[in-house]
Amino acid sequence: MINNIEEYKIAILEIIEELLPGCKVQLFGSRARKDFSEGSDIDLAIDAGFPIDYKKIYALKEKFEESTIPLFIDIVDINSADEKIKNEIKRDGIVWKN
């Protein structure tokens, strides 16, 4: 389980699509760089084409917590992210859904 988030990818994308249909999703952070540890979270950048309302972000986090996915999922709205995070996503990001 430590390095196989692929088995959770479909479930994660289904949850995102339910609340934010048509958005783009990228994996970034330690899991994208392959320098993660067993407790590492899953960092996802979401591009809905507009700033995402905080209520939608909260609803996503709730859905992930209620799911059977055993890892913490951190969501970043790329349209509201600071330049440092945007640069990290550009450098290390792996497209999950375009």
N, C-alpha and C. Protein backbone atom coordinates (compact mmCIF):
# COMPACT_ATOMS: atom_id res chain seq x y z
N MET A 1 0.81 -1.20 0.00
CA MET A 1 0.00 0.00 0.00
C MET A 1 0.85 1.26 0.00
N ILE A 2 2.04 1.19 0.52
CA ILE A 2 2.83 2.40 0.71
C ILE A 2 3.00 3.21 -0.57
N ASN A 3 3.23 2.57 -1.69
CA ASN A 3 3.50 3.34 -2.90
C ASN A 3 2.44 3.17 -3.97
N ASN A 4 1.35 2.49 -3.68
CA ASN A 4 0.37 2.24 -4.72
C ASN A 4 -0.90 3.04 -4.51
N ILE A 5 -0.86 4.31 -4.87
CA ILE A 5 -2.08 5.12 -4.78
C ILE A 5 -2.94 4.94 -6.03
N GLU A 6 -2.39 4.27 -7.03
CA GLU A 6 -3.16 4.02 -8.25
C GLU A 6 -4.47 3.30 -7.95
N GLU A 7 -4.45 2.42 -6.94
CA GLU A 7 -5.67 1.68 -6.61
C GLU A 7 -6.76 2.59 -6.05
N TYR A 8 -6.40 3.78 -5.57
CA TYR A 8 -7.37 4.73 -5.03
C TYR A 8 -7.72 5.83 -6.03
N LYS A 9 -6.97 5.91 -7.10
CA LYS A 9 -7.12 7.01 -8.06
C LYS A 9 -8.54 7.11 -8.61
N ILE A 10 -9.13 6.01 -9.02
CA ILE A 10 -10.48 6.04 -9.60
C ILE A 10 -11.49 6.56 -8.58
N ALA A 11 -11.42 6.07 -7.35
CA ALA A 11 -12.35 6.51 -6.31
C ALA A 11 -12.17 8.00 -6.02
N ILE A 12 -10.93 8.44 -5.97
CA ILE A 12 -10.64 9.86 -5.71
C ILE A 12 -11.23 10.72 -6.83
N LEU A 13 -10.98 10.34 -8.07
CA LEU A 13 -11.47 11.12 -9.20
C LEU A 13 -13.00 11.11 -9.28
N GLU A 14 -13.62 10.02 -8.90
CA GLU A 14 -15.09 9.97 -8.89
C GLU A 14 -15.67 10.96 -7.88
N ILE A 15 -15.05 11.04 -6.72
CA ILE A 15 -15.51 11.99 -5.69
C ILE A 15 -15.35 13.42 -6.19
N ILE A 16 -14.19 13.72 -6.79
CA ILE A 16 -13.96 15.07 -7.30
C ILE A 16 -14.95 15.40 -8.41
N GLU A 17 -15.15 14.47 -9.33
CA GLU A 17 -16.06 14.70 -10.46
C GLU A 17 -17.50 14.93 -9.98
N GLU A 18 -17.88 14.26 -8.91
CA GLU A 18 -19.23 14.43 -8.36
C GLU A 18 -19.47 15.86 -7.90
N LEU A 19 -18.46 16.46 -7.28
CA LEU A 19 -18.62 17.80 -6.72
C LEU A 19 -18.12 18.91 -7.64
N LEU A 20 -17.14 18.59 -8.48
CA LEU A 20 -16.56 19.59 -9.39
C LEU A 20 -16.42 18.98 -10.79
N PRO A 21 -17.53 18.77 -11.47
CA PRO A 21 -17.47 18.12 -12.78
C PRO A 21 -16.63 18.91 -13.78
N GLY A 22 -15.84 18.17 -14.56
CA GLY A 22 -15.06 18.78 -15.63
C GLY A 22 -13.76 19.44 -15.22
N CYS A 23 -13.40 19.36 -13.95
CA CYS A 23 -12.17 20.02 -13.52
C CYS A 23 -10.94 19.18 -13.88
N LYS A 24 -9.78 19.83 -13.84
CA LYS A 24 -8.50 19.16 -14.08
C LYS A 24 -7.89 18.82 -12.72
N VAL A 25 -7.18 17.69 -12.66
CA VAL A 25 -6.59 17.24 -11.39
C VAL A 25 -5.15 16.80 -11.64
N GLN A 26 -4.25 17.26 -10.76
CA GLN A 26 -2.86 16.84 -10.82
C GLN A 26 -2.40 16.36 -9.45
N LEU A 27 -1.65 15.29 -9.45
CA LEU A 27 -0.96 14.82 -8.25
C LEU A 27 0.34 15.60 -8.16
N PHE A 28 0.68 16.07 -6.96
CA PHE A 28 1.98 16.74 -6.77
C PHE A 28 2.49 16.39 -5.39
N GLY A 29 3.60 16.99 -5.00
CA GLY A 29 4.16 16.72 -3.68
C GLY A 29 4.99 15.45 -3.67
N SER A 30 5.17 14.91 -2.47
CA SER A 30 6.09 13.78 -2.28
C SER A 30 5.67 12.55 -3.07
N ARG A 31 4.40 12.32 -3.23
CA ARG A 31 3.96 11.13 -3.98
C ARG A 31 4.26 11.28 -5.47
N ALA A 32 4.18 12.48 -6.00
CA ALA A 32 4.53 12.71 -7.40
C ALA A 32 6.04 12.60 -7.60
N ARG A 33 6.79 13.07 -6.60
CA ARG A 33 8.27 13.02 -6.68
C ARG A 33 8.82 11.66 -6.32
N LYS A 34 7.98 10.79 -5.76
CA LYS A 34 8.39 9.44 -5.33
C LYS A 34 9.37 9.48 -4.16
N ASP A 35 9.26 10.51 -3.30
CA ASP A 35 10.11 10.57 -2.11
C ASP A 35 9.25 10.60 -0.83
N PHE A 36 8.14 9.89 -0.87
CA PHE A 36 7.19 9.87 0.23
C PHE A 36 7.53 8.78 1.23
N SER A 37 6.89 8.88 2.40
CA SER A 37 7.00 7.83 3.42
C SER A 37 5.62 7.22 3.60
N GLU A 38 5.52 6.21 4.43
CA GLU A 38 4.26 5.49 4.60
C GLU A 38 3.11 6.39 5.02
N GLY A 39 3.37 7.38 5.85
CA GLY A 39 2.31 8.26 6.33
C GLY A 39 2.04 9.47 5.45
N SER A 40 2.70 9.57 4.32
CA SER A 40 2.54 10.74 3.46
C SER A 40 1.12 10.86 2.93
N ASP A 41 0.66 12.10 2.84
CA ASP A 41 -0.67 12.35 2.30
C ASP A 41 -0.62 12.34 0.77
N ILE A 42 -1.77 12.51 0.17
CA ILE A 42 -1.89 12.64 -1.27
C ILE A 42 -2.21 14.11 -1.54
N ASP A 43 -1.31 14.80 -2.23
CA ASP A 43 -1.51 16.21 -2.56
C ASP A 43 -2.09 16.31 -3.96
N LEU A 44 -3.25 16.95 -4.07
CA LEU A 44 -3.90 17.10 -5.36
C LEU A 44 -4.17 18.57 -5.64
N ALA A 45 -3.83 18.99 -6.85
CA ALA A 45 -4.15 20.33 -7.33
C ALA A 45 -5.36 20.22 -8.24
N ILE A 46 -6.36 21.04 -7.97
CA ILE A 46 -7.58 21.02 -8.77
C ILE A 46 -7.72 22.36 -9.49
N ASP A 47 -7.98 22.27 -10.79
CA ASP A 47 -8.22 23.46 -11.60
C ASP A 47 -9.63 23.36 -12.17
N ALA A 48 -10.53 24.13 -11.58
CA ALA A 48 -11.92 24.14 -12.04
C ALA A 48 -12.15 25.24 -13.07
N GLY A 49 -11.10 26.01 -13.36
CA GLY A 49 -11.23 27.12 -14.30
C GLY A 49 -11.66 28.41 -13.62
N PHE A 50 -11.88 28.33 -12.31
CA PHE A 50 -12.30 29.47 -11.50
C PHE A 50 -11.94 29.15 -10.05
N PRO A 51 -11.83 30.17 -9.18
CA PRO A 51 -11.57 29.89 -7.77
C PRO A 51 -12.70 29.05 -7.17
N ILE A 52 -12.33 27.99 -6.48
CA ILE A 52 -13.31 27.08 -5.91
C ILE A 52 -13.77 27.61 -4.55
N ASP A 53 -15.06 27.65 -4.36
CA ASP A 53 -15.65 28.09 -3.11
C ASP A 53 -15.17 27.19 -1.96
N TYR A 54 -14.85 27.78 -0.83
CA TYR A 54 -14.34 27.01 0.30
C TYR A 54 -15.32 25.92 0.74
N LYS A 55 -16.62 26.13 0.53
CA LYS A 55 -17.61 25.12 0.90
C LYS A 55 -17.44 23.85 0.05
N LYS A 56 -17.07 24.03 -1.21
CA LYS A 56 -16.82 22.86 -2.08
C LYS A 56 -15.57 22.12 -1.62
N ILE A 57 -14.53 22.87 -1.25
CA ILE A 57 -13.30 22.24 -0.76
C ILE A 57 -13.62 21.45 0.51
N TYR A 58 -14.37 22.06 1.41
CA TYR A 58 -14.75 21.38 2.65
C TYR A 58 -15.57 20.13 2.35
N ALA A 59 -16.50 20.22 1.41
CA ALA A 59 -17.33 19.07 1.03
C ALA A 59 -16.47 17.95 0.46
N LEU A 60 -15.47 18.31 -0.35
CA LEU A 60 -14.54 17.30 -0.88
C LEU A 60 -13.81 16.60 0.25
N LYS A 61 -13.27 17.39 1.17
CA LYS A 61 -12.52 16.80 2.29
C LYS A 61 -13.41 15.87 3.12
N GLU A 62 -14.66 16.26 3.33
CA GLU A 62 -15.60 15.40 4.06
C GLU A 62 -15.83 14.08 3.33
N LYS A 63 -16.03 14.17 2.02
CA LYS A 63 -16.26 12.95 1.21
C LYS A 63 -15.05 12.02 1.28
N PHE A 64 -13.85 12.60 1.23
CA PHE A 64 -12.64 11.77 1.31
C PHE A 64 -12.55 11.10 2.68
N GLU A 65 -12.85 11.85 3.74
CA GLU A 65 -12.80 11.28 5.09
C GLU A 65 -13.82 10.17 5.27
N GLU A 66 -14.97 10.28 4.63
CA GLU A 66 -16.03 9.27 4.73
C GLU A 66 -15.76 8.06 3.84
N SER A 67 -14.83 8.19 2.91
CA SER A 67 -14.55 7.11 1.97
C SER A 67 -13.68 6.03 2.62
N THR A 68 -13.43 4.99 1.86
CA THR A 68 -12.57 3.89 2.34
C THR A 68 -11.10 4.13 2.02
N ILE A 69 -10.78 5.29 1.47
CA ILE A 69 -9.39 5.62 1.14
C ILE A 69 -8.64 5.86 2.45
N PRO A 70 -7.60 5.06 2.74
CA PRO A 70 -6.94 5.12 4.04
C PRO A 70 -5.88 6.22 4.18
N LEU A 71 -5.79 7.10 3.22
CA LEU A 71 -4.77 8.15 3.24
C LEU A 71 -5.43 9.52 3.30
N PHE A 72 -4.75 10.48 3.95
CA PHE A 72 -5.24 11.85 3.99
C PHE A 72 -5.03 12.46 2.61
N ILE A 73 -6.02 13.17 2.12
CA ILE A 73 -5.93 13.82 0.82
C ILE A 73 -6.00 15.32 1.02
N ASP A 74 -4.95 16.00 0.59
CA ASP A 74 -4.88 17.45 0.71
C ASP A 74 -5.22 18.06 -0.65
N ILE A 75 -6.14 19.00 -0.66
CA ILE A 75 -6.62 19.62 -1.88
C ILE A 75 -6.09 21.05 -1.97
N VAL A 76 -5.56 21.40 -3.14
CA VAL A 76 -5.14 22.77 -3.42
C VAL A 76 -5.91 23.25 -4.64
N ASP A 77 -6.56 24.40 -4.49
CA ASP A 77 -7.22 25.05 -5.63
C ASP A 77 -6.15 25.82 -6.37
N ILE A 78 -5.80 25.37 -7.56
CA ILE A 78 -4.70 25.99 -8.30
C ILE A 78 -4.98 27.46 -8.62
N ASN A 79 -6.25 27.83 -8.71
CA ASN A 79 -6.60 29.22 -9.02
C ASN A 79 -6.47 30.15 -7.81
N SER A 80 -6.30 29.58 -6.63
CA SER A 80 -6.12 30.38 -5.42
C SER A 80 -4.76 30.16 -4.77
N ALA A 81 -3.95 29.28 -5.33
CA ALA A 81 -2.66 28.92 -4.73
C ALA A 81 -1.64 30.04 -4.91
N ASP A 82 -0.68 30.09 -3.97
CA ASP A 82 0.39 31.06 -4.11
C ASP A 82 1.41 30.57 -5.16
N GLU A 83 2.29 31.46 -5.57
CA GLU A 83 3.23 31.16 -6.66
C GLU A 83 4.16 30.00 -6.32
N LYS A 84 4.57 29.88 -5.06
CA LYS A 84 5.46 28.79 -4.67
C LYS A 84 4.79 27.43 -4.94
N ILE A 85 3.54 27.30 -4.55
CA ILE A 85 2.81 26.04 -4.78
C ILE A 85 2.58 25.83 -6.27
N LYS A 86 2.20 26.89 -6.99
CA LYS A 86 2.00 26.76 -8.44
C LYS A 86 3.27 26.28 -9.13
N ASN A 87 4.41 26.81 -8.71
CA ASN A 87 5.68 26.40 -9.31
C ASN A 87 5.99 24.94 -8.99
N GLU A 88 5.69 24.51 -7.76
CA GLU A 88 5.90 23.10 -7.40
C GLU A 88 5.02 22.19 -8.26
N ILE A 89 3.79 22.60 -8.48
CA ILE A 89 2.87 21.81 -9.30
C ILE A 89 3.36 21.75 -10.74
N LYS A 90 3.82 22.88 -11.28
CA LYS A 90 4.36 22.90 -12.65
C LYS A 90 5.58 21.98 -12.77
N ARG A 91 6.42 22.00 -11.74
CA ARG A 91 7.67 21.23 -11.77
C ARG A 91 7.43 19.73 -11.59
N ASP A 92 6.60 19.38 -10.60
CA ASP A 92 6.47 17.97 -10.20
C ASP A 92 5.12 17.34 -10.53
N GLY A 93 4.17 18.13 -10.95
CA GLY A 93 2.80 17.62 -11.12
C GLY A 93 2.66 16.52 -12.15
N ILE A 94 1.80 15.57 -11.82
CA ILE A 94 1.45 14.46 -12.72
C ILE A 94 -0.04 14.58 -13.00
N VAL A 95 -0.40 14.72 -14.26
CA VAL A 95 -1.81 14.88 -14.63
C VAL A 95 -2.57 13.59 -14.34
N TRP A 96 -3.62 13.71 -13.54
CA TRP A 96 -4.52 12.59 -13.26
C TRP A 96 -5.77 12.70 -14.11
N LYS A 97 -6.19 13.93 -14.38
CA LYS A 97 -7.40 14.15 -15.19
C LYS A 97 -7.27 15.49 -15.87
N ASN A 98 -7.43 15.48 -17.18
CA ASN A 98 -7.27 16.70 -17.95
C ASN A 98 -8.58 17.14 -18.57
